[in-house]
Amino acid sequence: MIAQDIVIRPIITEKSMQDITKKKYVFEVAKKATKIDVARAVEELFKGAKVQKVNTVHVRGRMKRQGRFEGYTRSWKKAYVQLTADSKPIEFFEGMM
């Protein structure tokens, strides 16, 4: 897989934005991507970023109802990426602070 297929989108919530000062970022990633794949993709997509560690979480789909019809939302994978102290911060997130 190429880097654009691994990192799908950034997760921008109040909770995820609190750790930006500590150089910790949250992304939605491909379900089959490993921690090593995510680290390489982040370093390739964001030049100057050096990944220290990656934590991943599988997010289960939630039960939703609309009238008498019910189903599940899609399940997905989330990655918490911690950059090294001497790494350059990701510019995309810096514009939001």
Protein backbone atom coordinates (compact mmCIF):
# COMPACT_ATOMS: atom_id res chain seq x y z
CA MET A 1 0.00 0.00 0.00
CA ILE A 2 1.10 3.56 -0.62
CA ALA A 3 1.14 6.22 2.09
CA GLN A 4 -2.07 7.91 0.88
CA ASP A 5 -3.93 4.59 1.22
CA ILE A 6 -2.69 4.00 4.77
CA VAL A 7 -3.41 7.40 6.37
CA ILE A 8 -7.02 8.16 5.46
CA ARG A 9 -7.75 11.36 7.40
CA PRO A 10 -6.80 13.25 10.56
CA ILE A 11 -9.14 13.04 13.55
CA ILE A 12 -9.92 16.56 14.72
CA THR A 13 -11.75 16.61 18.06
CA GLU A 14 -11.26 18.57 21.26
CA LYS A 15 -9.62 15.59 22.93
CA SER A 16 -7.20 14.92 20.07
CA MET A 17 -6.25 18.60 19.77
CA GLN A 18 -5.13 18.77 23.44
CA ASP A 19 -2.05 16.62 22.78
CA ILE A 20 -0.77 18.56 19.75
CA THR A 21 1.60 20.56 21.97
CA LYS A 22 3.16 17.22 23.01
CA LYS A 23 3.50 16.28 19.29
CA LYS A 24 0.88 13.53 19.53
CA TYR A 25 -1.49 13.29 16.55
CA VAL A 26 -4.52 11.10 15.76
CA PHE A 27 -5.35 9.67 12.33
CA GLU A 28 -7.88 7.30 10.80
CA VAL A 29 -5.87 4.58 9.08
CA ALA A 30 -6.55 1.56 6.89
CA LYS A 31 -7.82 -1.47 8.80
CA LYS A 32 -5.04 -3.75 7.54
CA ALA A 33 -2.22 -1.26 8.24
CA THR A 34 0.32 -2.23 10.89
CA LYS A 35 2.06 0.15 13.28
CA ILE A 36 5.19 0.05 11.13
CA ASP A 37 3.13 0.87 8.01
CA VAL A 38 1.54 3.85 9.79
CA ALA A 39 4.92 5.17 11.01
CA ARG A 40 6.45 4.98 7.52
CA ALA A 41 3.38 6.60 5.93
CA VAL A 42 3.39 9.54 8.36
CA GLU A 43 7.11 10.14 7.82
CA GLU A 44 6.61 10.01 4.05
CA LEU A 45 3.52 12.24 3.93
CA PHE A 46 4.74 14.87 6.38
CA LYS A 47 8.35 15.73 5.57
CA GLY A 48 10.53 16.35 8.62
CA ALA A 49 8.34 14.28 10.96
CA LYS A 50 10.12 11.49 12.86
CA VAL A 51 7.81 8.99 14.53
CA GLN A 52 8.74 7.80 18.01
CA LYS A 53 5.85 5.37 18.56
CA VAL A 54 2.41 4.43 17.25
CA ASN A 55 -0.59 3.09 19.16
CA THR A 56 -3.58 1.70 17.26
CA VAL A 57 -7.20 1.11 18.26
CA HIS A 58 -9.98 -0.74 16.44
CA VAL A 59 -13.19 1.31 16.76
CA ARG A 60 -16.30 -0.86 16.62
CA GLY A 61 -19.37 0.20 14.66
CA ARG A 62 -22.25 1.54 16.74
CA MET A 63 -25.86 0.38 16.56
CA LYS A 64 -28.03 3.07 14.93
CA ARG A 65 -31.77 3.22 14.29
CA GLN A 66 -33.84 5.18 11.85
CA GLY A 67 -37.49 4.46 12.44
CA ARG A 68 -37.96 0.71 12.45
CA PHE A 69 -34.73 0.04 10.54
CA GLU A 70 -31.53 -0.59 12.42
CA GLY A 71 -27.97 -1.32 11.51
CA TYR A 72 -24.37 -0.67 12.44
CA THR A 73 -22.10 2.19 11.45
CA ARG A 74 -18.83 1.12 9.89
CA SER A 75 -15.93 -0.02 12.03
CA TRP A 76 -12.53 1.61 11.51
CA LYS A 77 -9.00 1.86 12.87
CA LYS A 78 -7.49 4.81 14.71
CA ALA A 79 -3.77 5.49 15.19
CA TYR A 80 -2.15 7.69 17.83
CA VAL A 81 1.22 8.89 16.47
CA GLN A 82 3.86 10.28 18.85
CA LEU A 83 6.67 12.25 17.21
CA THR A 84 10.19 12.58 18.63
CA ALA A 85 11.19 15.71 20.55
CA ASP A 86 13.56 16.94 17.82
CA SER A 87 11.01 16.28 15.07
CA LYS A 88 9.34 19.04 13.09
CA PRO A 89 5.62 19.41 14.00
CA ILE A 90 2.97 18.62 11.39
CA GLU A 91 1.98 21.91 9.75
CA PHE A 92 -1.60 20.84 9.01
CA PHE A 93 -2.43 20.74 12.72
CA GLU A 94 -0.46 23.88 13.58
CA GLY A 95 -2.89 26.02 11.57
CA MET A 96 -5.76 24.92 13.81
CA MET A 97 -4.29 26.05 17.12
